[in-house]
Amino acid sequence: VLGAKQFKVDSAQEALACLTSGMSHRVTGSTAMNTFSSRSHALLSIIIKQTNTAENGHTSTLRSKFNFVDLAGSERQKRAQTEGIRLKEAIDINKGLLALGNVISALGDDK
């Protein structure tokens, strides 16, 4: 993904700082429906690794992954009264959401 970054953090504060930095790069734009309409998608993946060492010296590792996804919202152009750049963004957002819906549907098919 263009512009994606990966960071190793050792505390909740460091993780929050990464989240805050990522959120500062989100694109928003004003429409008639929403003053701060999200014009971009965001993905945050958190991988937590826990290593335990037993008294006998045996080491075990537990790894968990959480994905948080924030998709740009679909707005009806007529109600949002978008024009120009905002209209093109809305069309692209709707195309992306339609493609995502098609992928999810295909993954759920029994074929």
Protein backbone atom coordinates (compact mmCIF):
# COMPACT_ATOMS: atom_id res chain seq x y z
CA VAL A 1 0.00 0.00 0.00
CA LEU A 2 1.40 3.32 -1.04
CA GLY A 3 2.51 5.33 1.99
CA ALA A 4 2.04 2.49 4.48
CA LYS A 5 4.47 2.43 7.38
CA GLN A 6 5.37 -0.13 10.02
CA PHE A 7 6.65 0.65 13.51
CA LYS A 8 7.77 -1.47 16.45
CA VAL A 9 6.43 -0.08 19.70
CA ASP A 10 6.99 -1.15 23.27
CA SER A 11 4.19 0.66 25.08
CA ALA A 12 0.59 1.79 24.71
CA GLN A 13 1.82 5.40 24.61
CA GLU A 14 4.07 4.66 21.61
CA ALA A 15 1.20 2.87 19.84
CA LEU A 16 -1.10 5.85 20.47
CA ALA A 17 1.55 8.21 19.07
CA CYS A 18 1.66 6.10 15.86
CA LEU A 19 -2.14 6.16 15.62
CA THR A 20 -2.20 9.93 16.11
CA SER A 21 0.44 10.41 13.43
CA GLY A 22 -1.50 8.23 11.00
CA MET A 23 -4.76 10.08 11.69
CA SER A 24 -3.06 13.38 10.90
CA HIS A 25 -2.56 12.13 7.33
CA ARG A 26 -6.27 11.38 6.78
CA VAL A 27 -7.94 13.41 4.06
CA THR A 28 -11.24 15.12 4.82
CA GLY A 29 -13.39 17.49 2.80
CA SER A 30 -16.54 19.46 3.35
CA THR A 31 -19.84 18.46 1.74
CA ALA A 32 -23.42 19.60 2.31
CA MET A 33 -23.96 16.50 4.47
CA ASN A 34 -20.77 16.52 6.52
CA THR A 35 -18.30 19.30 7.34
CA PHE A 36 -15.45 16.83 7.90
CA SER A 37 -16.31 14.07 5.44
CA SER A 38 -13.64 11.37 5.31
CA ARG A 39 -12.20 11.18 1.80
CA SER A 40 -9.74 8.37 2.49
CA HIS A 41 -9.61 4.87 3.93
CA ALA A 42 -7.43 3.92 6.89
CA LEU A 43 -6.07 0.60 8.12
CA LEU A 44 -4.38 0.01 11.45
CA SER A 45 -2.92 -3.43 12.14
CA ILE A 46 -1.66 -4.23 15.61
CA ILE A 47 0.41 -7.35 16.20
CA ILE A 48 0.92 -8.31 19.83
CA LYS A 49 3.63 -10.81 20.65
CA GLN A 50 3.91 -12.32 24.12
CA THR A 51 6.77 -14.60 25.06
CA ASN A 52 6.64 -16.71 28.21
CA THR A 53 9.45 -18.78 29.69
CA ALA A 54 8.49 -21.62 32.00
CA GLU A 55 10.54 -22.66 35.04
CA ASN A 56 11.96 -25.55 33.01
CA GLY A 57 13.31 -23.07 30.44
CA HIS A 58 10.74 -23.91 27.75
CA THR A 59 9.73 -20.79 25.83
CA SER A 60 6.34 -20.30 24.23
CA THR A 61 5.20 -17.40 22.10
CA LEU A 62 1.67 -16.17 21.56
CA ARG A 63 1.00 -13.86 18.62
CA SER A 64 -2.26 -12.00 17.97
CA LYS A 65 -3.17 -9.66 15.15
CA PHE A 66 -5.94 -7.08 15.16
CA ASN A 67 -6.97 -5.16 12.05
CA PHE A 68 -8.96 -1.94 12.38
CA VAL A 69 -10.43 -0.54 9.18
CA ASP A 70 -12.04 2.86 8.70
CA LEU A 71 -13.56 3.25 5.26
CA ALA A 72 -14.41 6.57 3.68
CA GLY A 73 -18.16 6.96 3.75
CA SER A 74 -20.48 6.71 0.82
CA GLU A 75 -22.60 9.82 0.33
CA ARG A 76 -25.37 10.38 -2.18
CA GLN A 77 -24.10 13.07 -4.51
CA LYS A 78 -27.50 14.71 -4.81
CA ARG A 79 -27.82 15.18 -1.04
CA ALA A 80 -24.13 15.97 -0.49
CA GLN A 81 -24.23 18.50 -3.36
CA THR A 82 -20.69 17.60 -4.38
CA GLU A 83 -19.08 19.18 -7.42
CA GLY A 84 -15.69 19.16 -9.11
CA ILE A 85 -12.95 17.49 -7.06
CA ARG A 86 -15.37 16.39 -4.30
CA LEU A 87 -17.64 14.75 -6.89
CA LYS A 88 -14.70 12.87 -8.42
CA GLU A 89 -13.59 11.77 -4.92
CA ALA A 90 -17.12 10.58 -4.13
CA ILE A 91 -17.28 8.58 -7.36
CA ASP A 92 -13.90 6.97 -6.61
CA ILE A 93 -14.93 6.23 -3.00
CA ASN A 94 -18.16 4.60 -4.19
CA LYS A 95 -16.27 2.53 -6.79
CA GLY A 96 -13.86 1.34 -4.10
CA LEU A 97 -16.67 0.43 -1.71
CA LEU A 98 -18.49 -1.44 -4.50
CA ALA A 99 -15.31 -3.40 -5.32
CA LEU A 100 -14.83 -4.23 -1.65
CA GLY A 101 -18.44 -5.40 -1.40
CA ASN A 102 -17.93 -7.62 -4.44
CA VAL A 103 -14.80 -9.16 -2.91
CA ILE A 104 -16.58 -9.84 0.38
CA SER A 105 -19.51 -11.41 -1.48
CA ALA A 106 -17.17 -13.59 -3.53
CA LEU A 107 -15.38 -14.78 -0.39
CA GLY A 108 -18.73 -15.82 1.05
CA ASP A 109 -19.85 -17.80 -2.02
CA ASP A 110 -19.89 -21.58 -1.74
CA LYS A 111 -18.51 -22.01 -5.29
